Amino acid sequence: MVTIGSYVIGLAVVVAVVFAVVWFAFGRGEDLPPLQKGTTLTRLPRSQVTGDDVRALVFAQTTRGYKPAEVDWALEKLAREIDDLRAVVQDLSARDAEVAERNDPSRRR
């Protein structure tokens, strides 16, 4: 019985030493340092959000989080929609300015 107990204790010590060596040699394997509690990497401007702003979003990962591929797909779709809508708004604004210039003779040179 003493032999089995010494084997279990010896195995636990070996596992703890190997774990400590790997922990100090390789760290936690994170690209970024851990965030402080209550903070997030997710940032968007207050107004004039562009497709590139959406593409640059970063979400903190949790153990029961979403699938990253699905989040990336949804964000890319939103970014394309924002870019398309901004292009339409810009085209319509340019067309309105053109029509206003044609209809207002005082603006002509």
Protein backbone atom coordinates (compact mmCIF):
# COMPACT_ATOMS: atom_id res chain seq x y z
CA MET A 1 0.00 0.00 0.00
CA VAL A 2 2.89 2.35 0.79
CA THR A 3 4.39 1.61 -2.63
CA ILE A 4 1.21 2.66 -4.46
CA GLY A 5 0.98 5.84 -2.38
CA SER A 6 4.59 6.74 -3.12
CA TYR A 7 4.00 6.14 -6.86
CA VAL A 8 0.93 8.42 -6.83
CA ILE A 9 2.78 11.15 -4.92
CA GLY A 10 5.83 10.79 -7.18
CA LEU A 11 3.63 11.00 -10.28
CA ALA A 12 1.89 14.11 -8.93
CA VAL A 13 5.26 15.77 -8.27
CA VAL A 14 6.51 14.92 -11.78
CA VAL A 15 3.32 16.28 -13.36
CA ALA A 16 3.57 19.48 -11.30
CA VAL A 17 7.24 19.98 -12.31
CA VAL A 18 6.52 19.38 -16.01
CA PHE A 19 3.52 21.72 -15.85
CA ALA A 20 5.62 24.45 -14.18
CA VAL A 21 8.43 24.10 -16.75
CA VAL A 22 5.99 24.29 -19.68
CA TRP A 23 4.12 27.21 -18.09
CA PHE A 24 7.25 29.30 -17.61
CA ALA A 25 8.83 28.30 -20.93
CA PHE A 26 5.85 28.89 -23.18
CA GLY A 27 3.51 31.11 -21.19
CA ARG A 28 -0.25 31.01 -21.65
CA GLY A 29 -0.05 31.04 -25.44
CA GLU A 30 -1.92 34.32 -25.89
CA ASP A 31 -1.15 36.82 -28.63
CA LEU A 32 -2.51 39.68 -26.57
CA PRO A 33 -2.20 40.31 -22.86
CA PRO A 34 -5.36 39.55 -20.88
CA LEU A 35 -7.85 42.40 -20.64
CA GLN A 36 -8.71 44.05 -17.38
CA LYS A 37 -12.12 43.07 -16.05
CA GLY A 38 -14.89 45.28 -17.39
CA THR A 39 -13.01 46.37 -20.55
CA THR A 40 -13.37 45.27 -24.16
CA LEU A 41 -11.41 45.45 -27.40
CA THR A 42 -14.62 46.16 -29.31
CA ARG A 43 -14.56 49.74 -30.57
CA LEU A 44 -16.71 51.63 -33.07
CA PRO A 45 -16.78 55.34 -33.83
CA ARG A 46 -19.73 57.32 -32.46
CA SER A 47 -20.89 58.19 -35.99
CA GLN A 48 -19.93 57.69 -39.63
CA VAL A 49 -19.25 53.95 -39.21
CA THR A 50 -17.57 52.55 -42.31
CA GLY A 51 -17.12 49.03 -43.59
CA ASP A 52 -13.48 49.11 -42.51
CA ASP A 53 -14.60 49.98 -38.96
CA VAL A 54 -16.77 46.87 -38.92
CA ARG A 55 -13.97 44.74 -40.39
CA ALA A 56 -11.60 45.93 -37.65
CA LEU A 57 -13.90 44.84 -34.81
CA VAL A 58 -12.37 42.47 -32.26
CA PHE A 59 -14.43 40.50 -29.77
CA ALA A 60 -13.14 38.92 -26.57
CA GLN A 61 -13.29 35.14 -26.61
CA THR A 62 -15.05 33.22 -23.89
CA THR A 63 -15.43 29.52 -23.27
CA ARG A 64 -19.05 29.54 -24.42
CA GLY A 65 -18.68 32.22 -27.10
CA TYR A 66 -19.79 32.28 -30.71
CA LYS A 67 -18.11 30.52 -33.62
CA PRO A 68 -15.49 32.95 -34.95
CA ALA A 69 -16.19 32.02 -38.58
CA GLU A 70 -19.87 32.92 -38.22
CA VAL A 71 -19.07 36.24 -36.53
CA ASP A 72 -16.54 37.08 -39.25
CA TRP A 73 -19.08 36.22 -41.96
CA ALA A 74 -21.76 38.42 -40.39
CA LEU A 75 -19.36 41.33 -39.89
CA GLU A 76 -18.13 41.10 -43.49
CA LYS A 77 -21.71 41.12 -44.75
CA LEU A 78 -22.49 44.19 -42.60
CA ALA A 79 -19.32 45.92 -43.77
CA ARG A 80 -20.21 45.35 -47.44
CA GLU A 81 -23.74 46.63 -46.85
CA ILE A 82 -22.44 49.79 -45.15
CA ASP A 83 -19.99 50.42 -48.00
CA ASP A 84 -22.74 49.87 -50.61
CA LEU A 85 -25.18 52.19 -48.82
CA ARG A 86 -22.55 54.93 -48.43
CA ALA A 87 -21.79 54.68 -52.16
CA VAL A 88 -25.51 55.04 -52.99
CA VAL A 89 -25.81 58.06 -50.69
CA GLN A 90 -22.77 59.67 -52.28
CA ASP A 91 -24.12 59.05 -55.81
CA LEU A 92 -27.54 60.47 -54.92
CA SER A 93 -25.97 63.53 -53.27
CA ALA A 94 -23.86 64.17 -56.36
CA ARG A 95 -26.90 63.75 -58.60
CA ASP A 96 -28.96 66.16 -56.43
CA ALA A 97 -26.18 68.73 -56.59
CA GLU A 98 -26.05 68.33 -60.36
CA VAL A 99 -29.84 68.76 -60.72
CA ALA A 100 -29.81 71.80 -58.42
CA GLU A 101 -27.03 73.36 -60.48
CA ARG A 102 -28.95 72.80 -63.72
CA ASN A 103 -32.18 74.26 -62.30
CA ASP A 104 -30.59 77.32 -60.64
CA PRO A 105 -29.30 79.70 -63.34
CA SER A 106 -27.55 81.91 -60.79
CA ARG A 107 -25.16 79.07 -59.97
CA ARG A 108 -23.97 78.80 -63.57
CA ARG A 109 -20.73 80.43 -64.56
